[in-house]
Amino acid sequence: MKMTLKIVGGVLILLGGLWVLQGLDLLVGSAMSGQAIYAVLGALLIVGGIVVEAMGFQRKSTAPEKN
């Protein structure tokens, strides 16, 4: 499960980076190029990817539960 979260987080970060570059018109050749909304959505994807990735790196508690 942790590996899946790490992979999904990484994909979201990469996709978000691509969208930011296209939205800022730094990567041309797409209908998304030069559209500011894609820069904003890309930034949100990057933040979401970081959160998902962080969830994949969390340690599992080994302390026994107190009842």
Protein backbone atom coordinates (compact mmCIF):
# COMPACT_ATOMS: atom_id res chain seq x y z
CA MET A 1 0.00 0.00 0.00
CA LYS A 2 2.81 2.40 0.89
CA MET A 3 4.53 1.78 -2.44
CA THR A 4 1.26 2.52 -4.27
CA LEU A 5 0.93 5.84 -2.44
CA LYS A 6 4.51 6.75 -3.32
CA ILE A 7 3.95 5.93 -7.00
CA VAL A 8 0.63 7.77 -7.21
CA GLY A 9 2.14 10.78 -5.41
CA GLY A 10 5.08 10.84 -7.81
CA VAL A 11 2.80 10.67 -10.85
CA LEU A 12 0.67 13.52 -9.49
CA ILE A 13 3.77 15.66 -8.91
CA LEU A 14 5.08 15.01 -12.43
CA LEU A 15 1.70 15.63 -14.05
CA GLY A 16 1.26 18.81 -12.02
CA GLY A 17 4.68 20.02 -13.13
CA LEU A 18 3.79 19.39 -16.74
CA TRP A 19 0.53 21.32 -16.37
CA VAL A 20 2.31 24.25 -14.70
CA LEU A 21 4.84 24.44 -17.52
CA GLN A 22 2.08 24.33 -20.14
CA GLY A 23 -0.07 26.84 -18.28
CA LEU A 24 2.83 29.28 -18.04
CA ASP A 25 3.50 28.79 -21.77
CA LEU A 26 6.99 27.43 -21.11
CA LEU A 27 6.09 24.16 -22.83
CA VAL A 28 4.24 24.88 -26.05
CA GLY A 29 2.38 22.76 -28.55
CA SER A 30 -0.79 21.98 -26.67
CA ALA A 31 -4.26 23.44 -26.25
CA MET A 32 -3.28 23.92 -22.59
CA SER A 33 -0.33 26.16 -23.47
CA GLY A 34 -0.70 29.71 -22.21
CA GLN A 35 -3.88 28.97 -20.22
CA ALA A 36 -3.38 30.23 -16.66
CA ILE A 37 -6.01 27.86 -15.24
CA TYR A 38 -3.72 24.92 -16.00
CA ALA A 39 -0.86 26.54 -14.09
CA VAL A 40 -3.15 26.83 -11.05
CA LEU A 41 -4.51 23.30 -11.42
CA GLY A 42 -0.98 21.98 -11.88
CA ALA A 43 0.15 23.65 -8.67
CA LEU A 44 -2.78 22.06 -6.85
CA LEU A 45 -1.83 18.66 -8.29
CA ILE A 46 1.72 19.13 -7.05
CA VAL A 47 0.50 19.92 -3.53
CA GLY A 48 -1.86 16.93 -3.61
CA GLY A 49 0.96 14.72 -4.86
CA ILE A 50 3.20 15.83 -2.01
CA VAL A 51 0.46 14.99 0.50
CA VAL A 52 -0.12 11.54 -1.01
CA GLU A 53 3.62 10.90 -1.18
CA ALA A 54 4.03 11.92 2.47
CA MET A 55 1.31 9.44 3.44
CA GLY A 56 3.38 6.73 1.77
CA PHE A 57 6.43 7.63 3.86
CA GLN A 58 4.66 7.70 7.24
CA ARG A 59 5.88 5.18 9.75
CA LYS A 60 3.48 2.73 11.23
CA SER A 61 3.20 2.97 14.99
CA THR A 62 4.64 -0.08 16.74
CA ALA A 63 3.41 0.86 20.20
CA PRO A 64 0.60 -1.33 21.51
CA GLU A 65 -2.79 0.30 21.95
CA LYS A 66 -3.99 1.06 25.46
CA ASN A 67 -7.53 0.02 26.24
